[in-house]
PDB file of N, CA and C in Angstrom:
ATOM      1  N   MET A   1     112.765  47.732  79.682  1.00  0.00           N
ATOM      2  CA  MET A   1     111.746  48.257  80.558  1.00  0.00           C
ATOM      3  C   MET A   1     110.382  47.980  79.906  1.00  0.00           C
ATOM      4  N   SER A   2     109.710  46.938  80.367  1.00  0.00           N
ATOM      5  CA  SER A   2     108.463  46.525  79.732  1.00  0.00           C
ATOM      6  C   SER A   2     107.230  46.984  80.479  1.00  0.00           C
ATOM      7  N   ASP A   3     107.394  47.629  81.598  1.00  0.00           N
ATOM      8  CA  ASP A   3     106.267  48.019  82.431  1.00  0.00           C
ATOM      9  C   ASP A   3     105.975  49.515  82.350  1.00  0.00           C
ATOM     10  N   VAL A   4     106.115  50.072  81.178  1.00  0.00           N
ATOM     11  CA  VAL A   4     105.914  51.501  80.989  1.00  0.00           C
ATOM     12  C   VAL A   4     104.451  51.761  80.618  1.00  0.00           C
ATOM     13  N   ILE A   5     103.841  52.712  81.332  1.00  0.00           N
ATOM     14  CA  ILE A   5     102.468  53.129  81.037  1.00  0.00           C
ATOM     15  C   ILE A   5     102.480  54.637  80.842  1.00  0.00           C
ATOM     16  N   ILE A   6     101.804  55.089  79.811  1.00  0.00           N
ATOM     17  CA  ILE A   6     101.618  56.530  79.607  1.00  0.00           C
ATOM     18  C   ILE A   6     100.124  56.820  79.644  1.00  0.00           C
ATOM     19  N   TYR A   7      99.747  57.737  80.523  1.00  0.00           N
ATOM     20  CA  TYR A   7      98.380  58.230  80.585  1.00  0.00           C
ATOM     21  C   TYR A   7      98.347  59.394  79.621  1.00  0.00           C
ATOM     22  N   HIS A   8      97.694  59.175  78.501  1.00  0.00           N
ATOM     23  CA  HIS A   8      97.906  59.944  77.285  1.00  0.00           C
ATOM     24  C   HIS A   8      96.629  60.627  76.807  1.00  0.00           C
ATOM     25  N   ASN A   9      96.820  61.839  76.285  1.00  0.00           N
ATOM     26  CA  ASN A   9      95.768  62.549  75.578  1.00  0.00           C
ATOM     27  C   ASN A   9      96.332  62.851  74.199  1.00  0.00           C
ATOM     28  N   PRO A  10      95.845  62.160  73.159  1.00  0.00           N
ATOM     29  CA  PRO A  10      96.405  62.370  71.825  1.00  0.00           C
ATOM     30  C   PRO A  10      96.209  63.781  71.289  1.00  0.00           C
ATOM     31  N   GLY A  11      95.329  64.560  71.890  1.00  0.00           N
ATOM     32  CA  GLY A  11      95.127  65.943  71.473  1.00  0.00           C
ATOM     33  C   GLY A  11      96.137  66.910  72.061  1.00  0.00           C
ATOM     34  N   CYS A  12      97.024  66.419  72.918  1.00  0.00           N
ATOM     35  CA  CYS A  12      98.013  67.249  73.606  1.00  0.00           C
ATOM     36  C   CYS A  12      99.388  67.036  72.976  1.00  0.00           C
ATOM     37  N   SER A  13     100.024  68.110  72.540  1.00  0.00           N
ATOM     38  CA  SER A  13     101.332  67.967  71.888  1.00  0.00           C
ATOM     39  C   SER A  13     102.393  67.442  72.860  1.00  0.00           C
ATOM     40  N   THR A  14     102.352  67.854  74.114  1.00  0.00           N
ATOM     41  CA  THR A  14     103.327  67.342  75.079  1.00  0.00           C
ATOM     42  C   THR A  14     103.140  65.843  75.271  1.00  0.00           C
ATOM     43  N   SER A  15     101.911  65.400  75.323  1.00  0.00           N
ATOM     44  CA  SER A  15     101.630  63.978  75.476  1.00  0.00           C
ATOM     45  C   SER A  15     102.091  63.201  74.237  1.00  0.00           C
ATOM     46  N   ARG A  16     101.822  63.735  73.068  1.00  0.00           N
ATOM     47  CA  ARG A  16     102.286  63.073  71.835  1.00  0.00           C
ATOM     48  C   ARG A  16     103.805  63.005  71.795  1.00  0.00           C
ATOM     49  N   ASN A  17     104.467  64.082  72.213  1.00  0.00           N
ATOM     50  CA  ASN A  17     105.931  64.108  72.216  1.00  0.00           C
ATOM     51  C   ASN A  17     106.502  63.108  73.219  1.00  0.00           C
ATOM     52  N   ALA A  18     105.863  62.967  74.369  1.00  0.00           N
ATOM     53  CA  ALA A  18     106.320  61.986  75.365  1.00  0.00           C
ATOM     54  C   ALA A  18     106.194  60.575  74.816  1.00  0.00           C
ATOM     55  N   LEU A  19     105.069  60.287  74.179  1.00  0.00           N
ATOM     56  CA  LEU A  19     104.872  58.956  73.595  1.00  0.00           C
ATOM     57  C   LEU A  19     105.915  58.687  72.510  1.00  0.00           C
ATOM     58  N   ALA A  20     106.172  59.673  71.666  1.00  0.00           N
ATOM     59  CA  ALA A  20     107.181  59.515  70.610  1.00  0.00           C
ATOM     60  C   ALA A  20     108.567  59.287  71.211  1.00  0.00           C
ATOM     61  N   LEU A  21     108.896  60.011  72.264  1.00  0.00           N
ATOM     62  CA  LEU A  21     110.189  59.858  72.914  1.00  0.00           C
ATOM     63  C   LEU A  21     110.349  58.450  73.498  1.00  0.00           C
ATOM     64  N   LEU A  22     109.293  57.962  74.140  1.00  0.00           N
ATOM     65  CA  LEU A  22     109.342  56.600  74.677  1.00  0.00           C
ATOM     66  C   LEU A  22     109.595  55.593  73.555  1.00  0.00           C
ATOM     67  N   ARG A  23     108.877  55.738  72.476  1.00  0.00           N
ATOM     68  CA  ARG A  23     109.029  54.811  71.340  1.00  0.00           C
ATOM     69  C   ARG A  23     110.399  54.961  70.695  1.00  0.00           C
ATOM     70  N   ASP A  24     110.911  56.190  70.612  1.00  0.00           N
ATOM     71  CA  ASP A  24     112.250  56.418  70.053  1.00  0.00           C
ATOM     72  C   ASP A  24     113.320  55.719  70.878  1.00  0.00           C
ATOM     73  N   LYS A  25     113.047  55.545  72.163  1.00  0.00           N
ATOM     74  CA  LYS A  25     113.992  54.858  73.046  1.00  0.00           C
ATOM     75  C   LYS A  25     113.806  53.338  72.986  1.00  0.00           C
ATOM     76  N   GLY A  26     112.957  52.875  72.071  1.00  0.00           N
ATOM     77  CA  GLY A  26     112.745  51.445  71.886  1.00  0.00           C
ATOM     78  C   GLY A  26     111.751  50.834  72.863  1.00  0.00           C
ATOM     79  N   LEU A  27     111.040  51.667  73.604  1.00  0.00           N
ATOM     80  CA  LEU A  27     110.065  51.176  74.569  1.00  0.00           C
ATOM     81  C   LEU A  27     108.706  51.015  73.903  1.00  0.00           C
ATOM     82  N   LYS A  28     107.927  50.095  74.446  1.00  0.00           N
ATOM     83  CA  LYS A  28     106.582  49.856  73.938  1.00  0.00           C
ATOM     84  C   LYS A  28     105.603  50.074  75.087  1.00  0.00           C
ATOM     85  N   PRO A  29     105.307  51.336  75.360  1.00  0.00           N
ATOM     86  CA  PRO A  29     104.460  51.629  76.513  1.00  0.00           C
ATOM     87  C   PRO A  29     103.012  51.195  76.300  1.00  0.00           C
ATOM     88  N   LYS A  30     102.373  50.864  77.404  1.00  0.00           N
ATOM     89  CA  LYS A  30     100.926  50.683  77.383  1.00  0.00           C
ATOM     90  C   LYS A  30     100.351  52.100  77.354  1.00  0.00           C
ATOM     91  N   VAL A  31      99.494  52.371  76.394  1.00  0.00           N
ATOM     92  CA  VAL A  31      98.920  53.700  76.234  1.00  0.00           C
ATOM     93  C   VAL A  31      97.503  53.694  76.799  1.00  0.00           C
ATOM     94  N   VAL A  32      97.274  54.524  77.798  1.00  0.00           N
ATOM     95  CA  VAL A  32      95.956  54.652  78.400  1.00  0.00           C
ATOM     96  C   VAL A  32      95.406  56.020  78.029  1.00  0.00           C
ATOM     97  N   GLU A  33      94.392  56.026  77.177  1.00  0.00           N
ATOM     98  CA  GLU A  33      93.741  57.280  76.805  1.00  0.00           C
ATOM     99  C   GLU A  33      92.669  57.565  77.853  1.00  0.00           C
ATOM    100  N   TYR A  34      93.090  58.227  78.910  1.00  0.00           N
ATOM    101  CA  TYR A  34      92.245  58.403  80.088  1.00  0.00           C
ATOM    102  C   TYR A  34      90.996  59.239  79.829  1.00  0.00           C
ATOM    103  N   LEU A  35      90.980  60.027  78.769  1.00  0.00           N
ATOM    104  CA  LEU A  35      89.762  60.773  78.458  1.00  0.00           C
ATOM    105  C   LEU A  35      88.668  59.828  77.975  1.00  0.00           C
ATOM    106  N   LYS A  36      89.065  58.679  77.414  1.00  0.00           N
ATOM    107  CA  LYS A  36      88.106  57.666  76.970  1.00  0.00           C
ATOM    108  C   LYS A  36      87.764  56.693  78.092  1.00  0.00           C
ATOM    109  N   THR A  37      88.797  56.260  78.833  1.00  0.00           N
ATOM    110  CA  THR A  37      88.586  55.221  79.849  1.00  0.00           C
ATOM    111  C   THR A  37      88.162  55.776  81.195  1.00  0.00           C
ATOM    112  N   GLY A  38      88.475  57.057  81.441  1.00  0.00           N
ATOM    113  CA  GLY A  38      88.219  57.631  82.746  1.00  0.00           C
ATOM    114  C   GLY A  38      89.232  57.132  83.762  1.00  0.00           C
ATOM    115  N   TRP A  39      89.003  57.508  85.001  1.00  0.00           N
ATOM    116  CA  TRP A  39      89.884  57.140  86.106  1.00  0.00           C
ATOM    117  C   TRP A  39      89.078  56.387  87.151  1.00  0.00           C
ATOM    118  N   THR A  40      89.775  55.597  87.939  1.00  0.00           N
ATOM    119  CA  THR A  40      89.168  55.032  89.133  1.00  0.00           C
ATOM    120  C   THR A  40      89.825  55.704  90.334  1.00  0.00           C
ATOM    121  N   LYS A  41      89.134  55.714  91.437  1.00  0.00           N
ATOM    122  CA  LYS A  41      89.703  56.335  92.634  1.00  0.00           C
ATOM    123  C   LYS A  41      90.993  55.629  93.061  1.00  0.00           C
ATOM    124  N   PRO A  42      91.011  54.272  93.111  1.00  0.00           N
ATOM    125  CA  PRO A  42      92.267  53.606  93.478  1.00  0.00           C
ATOM    126  C   PRO A  42      93.408  53.905  92.501  1.00  0.00           C
ATOM    127  N   GLN A  43      93.079  54.036  91.240  1.00  0.00           N
ATOM    128  CA  GLN A  43      94.100  54.334  90.235  1.00  0.00           C
ATOM    129  C   GLN A  43      94.716  55.712  90.486  1.00  0.00           C
ATOM    130  N   LEU A  44      93.879  56.725  90.656  1.00  0.00           N
ATOM    131  CA  LEU A  44      94.395  58.073  90.919  1.00  0.00           C
ATOM    132  C   LEU A  44      95.163  58.135  92.232  1.00  0.00           C
ATOM    133  N   GLU A  45      94.600  57.543  93.280  1.00  0.00           N
ATOM    134  CA  GLU A  45      95.285  57.562  94.571  1.00  0.00           C
ATOM    135  C   GLU A  45      96.612  56.825  94.507  1.00  0.00           C
ATOM    136  N   GLY A  46      96.661  55.730  93.749  1.00  0.00           N
ATOM    137  CA  GLY A  46      97.912  54.988  93.580  1.00  0.00           C
ATOM    138  C   GLY A  46      98.963  55.801  92.839  1.00  0.00           C
ATOM    139  N   LEU A  47      98.549  56.484  91.791  1.00  0.00           N
ATOM    140  CA  LEU A  47      99.481  57.347  91.053  1.00  0.00           C
ATOM    141  C   LEU A  47     100.028  58.448  91.949  1.00  0.00           C
ATOM    142  N   LEU A  48      99.141  59.085  92.696  1.00  0.00           N
ATOM    143  CA  LEU A  48      99.573  60.162  93.585  1.00  0.00           C
ATOM    144  C   LEU A  48     100.542  59.652  94.645  1.00  0.00           C
ATOM    145  N   LYS A  49     100.265  58.476  95.176  1.00  0.00           N
ATOM    146  CA  LYS A  49     101.156  57.890  96.184  1.00  0.00           C
ATOM    147  C   LYS A  49     102.525  57.593  95.566  1.00  0.00           C
ATOM    148  N   THR A  50     102.522  56.992  94.385  1.00  0.00           N
ATOM    149  CA  THR A  50     103.785  56.681  93.709  1.00  0.00           C
ATOM    150  C   THR A  50     104.566  57.946  93.390  1.00  0.00           C
ATOM    151  N   MET A  51     103.857  58.981  92.966  1.00  0.00           N
ATOM    152  CA  MET A  51     104.505  60.252  92.624  1.00  0.00           C
ATOM    153  C   MET A  51     104.912  61.034  93.871  1.00  0.00           C
ATOM    154  N   GLY A  52     104.267  60.737  94.994  1.00  0.00           N
ATOM    155  CA  GLY A  52     104.579  61.457  96.228  1.00  0.00           C
ATOM    156  C   GLY A  52     104.108  62.892  96.217  1.00  0.00           C
ATOM    157  N   VAL A  53     102.964  63.135  95.562  1.00  0.00           N
ATOM    158  CA  VAL A  53     102.447  64.500  95.452  1.00  0.00           C
ATOM    159  C   VAL A  53     100.962  64.535  95.812  1.00  0.00           C
ATOM    160  N   PRO A  54     100.471  65.712  96.201  1.00  0.00           N
ATOM    161  CA  PRO A  54      99.031  65.857  96.424  1.00  0.00           C
ATOM    162  C   PRO A  54      98.294  65.976  95.091  1.00  0.00           C
ATOM    163  N   ALA A  55      96.995  65.766  95.123  1.00  0.00           N
ATOM    164  CA  ALA A  55      96.176  65.834  93.907  1.00  0.00           C
ATOM    165  C   ALA A  55      96.317  67.178  93.201  1.00  0.00           C
ATOM    166  N   ARG A  56      96.475  68.236  93.949  1.00  0.00           N
ATOM    167  CA  ARG A  56      96.621  69.574  93.373  1.00  0.00           C
ATOM    168  C   ARG A  56      97.773  69.627  92.359  1.00  0.00           C
ATOM    169  N   ASP A  57      98.819  68.823  92.582  1.00  0.00           N
ATOM    170  CA  ASP A  57      99.987  68.851  91.696  1.00  0.00           C
ATOM    171  C   ASP A  57      99.727  68.275  90.310  1.00  0.00           C
ATOM    172  N   ILE A  58      98.654  67.514  90.154  1.00  0.00           N
ATOM    173  CA  ILE A  58      98.327  66.986  88.826  1.00  0.00           C
ATOM    174  C   ILE A  58      97.002  67.562  88.319  1.00  0.00           C
ATOM    175  N   LEU A  59      96.523  68.609  88.948  1.00  0.00           N
ATOM    176  CA  LEU A  59      95.291  69.265  88.539  1.00  0.00           C
ATOM    177  C   LEU A  59      95.574  70.175  87.355  1.00  0.00           C
ATOM    178  N   ARG A  60      94.844  69.963  86.285  1.00  0.00           N
ATOM    179  CA  ARG A  60      95.009  70.812  85.097  1.00  0.00           C
ATOM    180  C   ARG A  60      94.234  72.100  85.319  1.00  0.00           C
ATOM    181  N   THR A  61      94.963  73.192  85.407  1.00  0.00           N
ATOM    182  CA  THR A  61      94.334  74.480  85.656  1.00  0.00           C
ATOM    183  C   THR A  61      94.137  75.291  84.377  1.00  0.00           C
ATOM    184  N   ARG A  62      94.877  74.947  83.330  1.00  0.00           N
ATOM    185  CA  ARG A  62      94.670  75.622  82.040  1.00  0.00           C
ATOM    186  C   ARG A  62      93.291  75.285  81.512  1.00  0.00           C
ATOM    187  N   GLY A  63      92.661  76.236  80.894  1.00  0.00           N
ATOM    188  CA  GLY A  63      91.339  76.004  80.347  1.00  0.00           C
ATOM    189  C   GLY A  63      90.233  76.499  81.257  1.00  0.00           C
ATOM    190  N   GLY A  64      90.559  76.732  82.518  1.00  0.00           N
ATOM    191  CA  GLY A  64      89.614  77.357  83.417  1.00  0.00           C
ATOM    192  C   GLY A  64      88.601  76.464  84.112  1.00  0.00           C
ATOM    193  N   ARG A  65      88.465  75.206  83.713  1.00  0.00           N
ATOM    194  CA  ARG A  65      87.450  74.345  84.319  1.00  0.00           C
ATOM    195  C   ARG A  65      87.708  74.135  85.807  1.00  0.00           C
ATOM    196  N   ALA A  66      88.953  73.937  86.192  1.00  0.00           N
ATOM    197  CA  ALA A  66      89.274  73.745  87.619  1.00  0.00           C
ATOM    198  C   ALA A  66      88.869  74.963  88.426  1.00  0.00           C
ATOM    199  N   GLU A  67      89.102  76.123  87.881  1.00  0.00           N
ATOM    200  CA  GLU A  67      88.717  77.357  88.583  1.00  0.00           C
ATOM    201  C   GLU A  67      87.199  77.479  88.660  1.00  0.00           C
ATOM    202  N   GLU A  68      86.510  77.157  87.561  1.00  0.00           N
ATOM    203  CA  GLU A  68      85.045  77.196  87.562  1.00  0.00           C
ATOM    204  C   GLU A  68      84.458  76.317  88.664  1.00  0.00           C
ATOM    205  N   LEU A  69      85.107  75.195  88.914  1.00  0.00           N
ATOM    206  CA  LEU A  69      84.628  74.250  89.927  1.00  0.00           C
ATOM    207  C   LEU A  69      85.108  74.611  91.330  1.00  0.00           C
ATOM    208  N   GLY A  70      85.883  75.671  91.458  1.00  0.00           N
ATOM    209  CA  GLY A  70      86.376  76.091  92.761  1.00  0.00           C
ATOM    210  C   GLY A  70      87.490  75.219  93.307  1.00  0.00           C
ATOM    211  N   LEU A  71      88.248  74.583  92.407  1.00  0.00           N
ATOM    212  CA  LEU A  71      89.296  73.645  92.840  1.00  0.00           C
ATOM    213  C   LEU A  71      90.662  74.283  93.011  1.00  0.00           C
ATOM    214  N   THR A  72      90.816  75.530  92.613  1.00  0.00           N
ATOM    215  CA  THR A  72      92.146  76.149  92.646  1.00  0.00           C
ATOM    216  C   THR A  72      92.439  76.877  93.951  1.00  0.00           C
ATOM    217  N   ALA A  73      91.447  77.013  94.802  1.00  0.00           N
ATOM    218  CA  ALA A  73      91.680  77.666  96.101  1.00  0.00           C
ATOM    219  C   ALA A  73      92.639  76.811  96.927  1.00  0.00           C
ATOM    220  N   PRO A  74      93.520  77.439  97.689  1.00  0.00           N
ATOM    221  CA  PRO A  74      94.541  76.683  98.424  1.00  0.00           C
ATOM    222  C   PRO A  74      93.996  75.756  99.515  1.00  0.00           C
ATOM    223  N   ASP A  75      92.780  75.969  99.955  1.00  0.00           N
ATOM    224  CA  ASP A  75      92.233  75.147 101.039  1.00  0.00           C
ATOM    225  C   ASP A  75      91.374  73.974 100.560  1.00  0.00           C
ATOM    226  N   VAL A  76      91.323  73.729  99.258  1.00  0.00           N
ATOM    227  CA  VAL A  76      90.521  72.625  98.730  1.00  0.00           C
ATOM    228  C   VAL A  76      91.217  71.308  99.033  1.00  0.00           C
ATOM    229  N   ALA A  77      90.478  70.386  99.627  1.00  0.00           N
ATOM    230  CA  ALA A  77      91.026  69.086 100.033  1.00  0.00           C
ATOM    231  C   ALA A  77      91.285  68.182  98.828  1.00  0.00           C
ATOM    232  N   ASP A  78      92.285  67.308  98.981  1.00  0.00           N
ATOM    233  CA  ASP A  78      92.596  66.326  97.938  1.00  0.00           C
ATOM    234  C   ASP A  78      91.372  65.508  97.566  1.00  0.00           C
ATOM    235  N   ALA A  79      90.578  65.120  98.537  1.00  0.00           N
ATOM    236  CA  ALA A  79      89.401  64.285  98.267  1.00  0.00           C
ATOM    237  C   ALA A  79      88.454  64.978  97.289  1.00  0.00           C
ATOM    238  N   ARG A  80      88.286  66.270  97.438  1.00  0.00           N
ATOM    239  CA  ARG A  80      87.404  67.014  96.535  1.00  0.00           C
ATOM    240  C   ARG A  80      88.009  67.102  95.131  1.00  0.00           C
ATOM    241  N   ILE A  81      89.307  67.313  95.056  1.00  0.00           N
ATOM    242  CA  ILE A  81      89.976  67.383  93.753  1.00  0.00           C
ATOM    243  C   ILE A  81      89.893  66.025  93.054  1.00  0.00           C
ATOM    244  N   ILE A  82      90.157  64.962  93.782  1.00  0.00           N
ATOM    245  CA  ILE A  82      90.086  63.621  93.195  1.00  0.00           C
ATOM    246  C   ILE A  82      88.670  63.322  92.719  1.00  0.00           C
ATOM    247  N   ALA A  83      87.672  63.669  93.515  1.00  0.00           N
ATOM    248  CA  ALA A  83      86.284  63.440  93.109  1.00  0.00           C
ATOM    249  C   ALA A  83      85.973  64.159  91.801  1.00  0.00           C
ATOM    250  N   ALA A  84      86.458  65.388  91.665  1.00  0.00           N
ATOM    251  CA  ALA A  84      86.245  66.144  90.430  1.00  0.00           C
ATOM    252  C   ALA A  84      86.965  65.479  89.261  1.00  0.00           C
ATOM    253  N   MET A  85      88.170  64.972  89.489  1.00  0.00           N
ATOM    254  CA  MET A  85      88.924  64.291  88.441  1.00  0.00           C
ATOM    255  C   MET A  85      88.215  63.022  87.981  1.00  0.00           C
ATOM    256  N   LEU A  86      87.560  62.343  88.910  1.00  0.00           N
ATOM    257  CA  LEU A  86      86.802  61.144  88.553  1.00  0.00           C
ATOM    258  C   LEU A  86      85.610  61.513  87.678  1.00  0.00           C
ATOM    259  N   ASP A  87      84.964  62.631  87.990  1.00  0.00           N
ATOM    260  CA  ASP A  87      83.821  63.092  87.209  1.00  0.00           C
ATOM    261  C   ASP A  87      84.231  63.671  85.860  1.00  0.00           C
ATOM    262  N   GLU A  88      85.375  64.358  85.842  1.00  0.00           N
ATOM    263  CA  GLU A  88      85.842  65.030  84.631  1.00  0.00           C
ATOM    264  C   GLU A  88      87.324  64.721  84.424  1.00  0.00           C
ATOM    265  N   PRO A  89      87.629  63.613  83.747  1.00  0.00           N
ATOM    266  CA  PRO A  89      89.024  63.180  83.567  1.00  0.00           C
ATOM    267  C   PRO A  89      89.948  64.234  82.972  1.00  0.00           C
ATOM    268  N   VAL A  90      89.405  65.180  82.232  1.00  0.00           N
ATOM    269  CA  VAL A  90      90.228  66.227  81.624  1.00  0.00           C
ATOM    270  C   VAL A  90      90.899  67.101  82.676  1.00  0.00           C
ATOM    271  N   LEU A  91      90.443  67.036  83.919  1.00  0.00           N
ATOM    272  CA  LEU A  91      91.049  67.832  84.991  1.00  0.00           C
ATOM    273  C   LEU A  91      92.417  67.299  85.426  1.00  0.00           C
ATOM    274  N   VAL A  92      92.800  66.134  84.926  1.00  0.00           N
ATOM    275  CA  VAL A  92      94.121  65.580  85.241  1.00  0.00           C
ATOM    276  C   VAL A  92      95.106  66.064  84.185  1.00  0.00           C
ATOM    277  N   GLU A  93      96.184  66.675  84.642  1.00  0.00           N
ATOM    278  CA  GLU A  93      97.232  67.155  83.743  1.00  0.00           C
ATOM    279  C   GLU A  93      97.901  65.961  83.088  1.00  0.00           C
ATOM    280  N   ARG A  94      98.434  66.178  81.915  1.00  0.00           N
ATOM    281  CA  ARG A  94      99.061  65.092  81.172  1.00  0.00           C
ATOM    282  C   ARG A  94     100.339  65.544  80.522  1.00  0.00           C
ATOM    283  N   PRO A  95     101.140  64.562  80.113  1.00  0.00           N
ATOM    284  CA  PRO A  95     101.030  63.117  80.310  1.00  0.00           C
ATOM    285  C   PRO A  95     101.670  62.691  81.630  1.00  0.00           C
ATOM    286  N   ILE A  96     101.169  61.614  82.157  1.00  0.00           N
ATOM    287  CA  ILE A  96     101.795  60.967  83.315  1.00  0.00           C
ATOM    288  C   ILE A  96     102.375  59.663  82.811  1.00  0.00           C
ATOM    289  N   VAL A  97     103.619  59.390  83.174  1.00  0.00           N
ATOM    290  CA  VAL A  97     104.288  58.152  82.768  1.00  0.00           C
ATOM    291  C   VAL A  97     104.716  57.400  84.015  1.00  0.00           C
ATOM    292  N   THR A  98     104.441  56.095  84.010  1.00  0.00           N
ATOM    293  CA  THR A  98     104.902  55.239  85.101  1.00  0.00           C
ATOM    294  C   THR A  98     105.841  54.181  84.541  1.00  0.00           C
ATOM    295  N   THR A  99     106.868  53.877  85.327  1.00  0.00           N
ATOM    296  CA  THR A  99     107.805  52.800  85.008  1.00  0.00           C
ATOM    297  C   THR A  99     108.141  52.109  86.327  1.00  0.00           C
ATOM    298  N   SER A 100     109.023  51.147  86.266  1.00  0.00           N
ATOM    299  CA  SER A 100     109.462  50.476  87.493  1.00  0.00           C
ATOM    300  C   SER A 100     110.215  51.432  88.416  1.00  0.00           C
ATOM    301  N   LYS A 101     110.633  52.577  87.886  1.00  0.00           N
ATOM    302  CA  LYS A 101     111.359  53.571  88.688  1.00  0.00           C
ATOM    303  C   LYS A 101     110.446  54.610  89.338  1.00  0.00           C
ATOM    304  N   GLY A 102     109.154  54.580  89.021  1.00  0.00           N
ATOM    305  CA  GLY A 102     108.241  55.536  89.627  1.00  0.00           C
ATOM    306  C   GLY A 102     107.264  56.109  88.623  1.00  0.00           C
ATOM    307  N   ALA A 103     106.698  57.250  88.970  1.00  0.00           N
ATOM    308  CA  ALA A 103     105.726  57.923  88.112  1.00  0.00           C
ATOM    309  C   ALA A 103     106.014  59.415  88.136  1.00  0.00           C
ATOM    310  N   VAL A 104     105.749  60.062  87.013  1.00  0.00           N
ATOM    311  CA  VAL A 104     106.028  61.489  86.920  1.00  0.00           C
ATOM    312  C   VAL A 104     105.075  62.144  85.929  1.00  0.00           C
ATOM    313  N   LEU A 105     104.688  63.367  86.256  1.00  0.00           N
ATOM    314  CA  LEU A 105     103.977  64.215  85.312  1.00  0.00           C
ATOM    315  C   LEU A 105     105.040  64.827  84.410  1.00  0.00           C
ATOM    316  N   CYS A 106     104.954  64.581  83.144  1.00  0.00           N
ATOM    317  CA  CYS A 106     106.006  64.986  82.207  1.00  0.00           C
ATOM    318  C   CYS A 106     105.791  66.407  81.687  1.00  0.00           C
ATOM    319  N   ARG A 107     105.756  67.333  82.591  1.00  0.00           N
ATOM    320  CA  ARG A 107     105.691  68.768  82.284  1.00  0.00           C
ATOM    321  C   ARG A 107     106.739  69.445  83.129  1.00  0.00           C
ATOM    322  N   PRO A 108     107.806  69.885  82.561  1.00  0.00           N
ATOM    323  CA  PRO A 108     108.134  69.819  81.153  1.00  0.00           C
ATOM    324  C   PRO A 108     108.520  68.395  80.741  1.00  0.00           C
ATOM    325  N   LEU A 109     108.591  68.197  79.439  1.00  0.00           N
ATOM    326  CA  LEU A 109     108.847  66.879  78.873  1.00  0.00           C
ATOM    327  C   LEU A 109     110.125  66.238  79.421  1.00  0.00           C
ATOM    328  N   GLU A 110     111.113  67.041  79.749  1.00  0.00           N
ATOM    329  CA  GLU A 110     112.390  66.520  80.263  1.00  0.00           C
ATOM    330  C   GLU A 110     112.223  65.724  81.559  1.00  0.00           C
ATOM    331  N   ARG A 111     111.129  65.930  82.257  1.00  0.00           N
ATOM    332  CA  ARG A 111     110.895  65.191  83.490  1.00  0.00           C
ATOM    333  C   ARG A 111     110.768  63.692  83.227  1.00  0.00           C
ATOM    334  N   LEU A 112     110.460  63.318  82.008  1.00  0.00           N
ATOM    335  CA  LEU A 112     110.357  61.910  81.644  1.00  0.00           C
ATOM    336  C   LEU A 112     111.638  61.165  81.984  1.00  0.00           C
ATOM    337  N   ASN A 113     112.769  61.818  81.871  1.00  0.00           N
ATOM    338  CA  ASN A 113     114.055  61.172  82.162  1.00  0.00           C
ATOM    339  C   ASN A 113     114.166  60.694  83.611  1.00  0.00           C
ATOM    340  N   GLU A 114     113.379  61.269  84.513  1.00  0.00           N
ATOM    341  CA  GLU A 114     113.417  60.881  85.918  1.00  0.00           C
ATOM    342  C   GLU A 114     112.981  59.435  86.152  1.00  0.00           C
ATOM    343  N   VAL A 115     112.178  58.886  85.224  1.00  0.00           N
ATOM    344  CA  VAL A 115     111.680  57.522  85.422  1.00  0.00           C
ATOM    345  C   VAL A 115     112.206  56.553  84.356  1.00  0.00           C
ATOM    346  N   LEU A 116     113.152  57.002  83.550  1.00  0.00           N
ATOM    347  CA  LEU A 116     113.723  56.112  82.532  1.00  0.00           C
ATOM    348  C   LEU A 116     115.073  55.591  82.983  1.00  0.00           C
TER     349      LEU A 116
END
């Protein structure tokens, strides 16, 4: 499986554990440190489409920033959440892993098996 990508935050233990697990399985994932590179709208929309989930499902609510921005209310549109994620990449929960089998938010870490 050579098409593995991990959207990674090295400061996150779950993200580090996912990367280690991928490498332990002999995979050489492309590592995207999204806090450095940021996101593009097509990239986020493509991930959401592949995952089959709304933007709210990958919104990082821990830390309170999403709530401060008013993004946690149930009536907030995906477009507004995505716009906030583009402005503040930390609002995207991590890690997200993509393979030829799909994409998944690896929380809990065992979800990684869904795309391996």
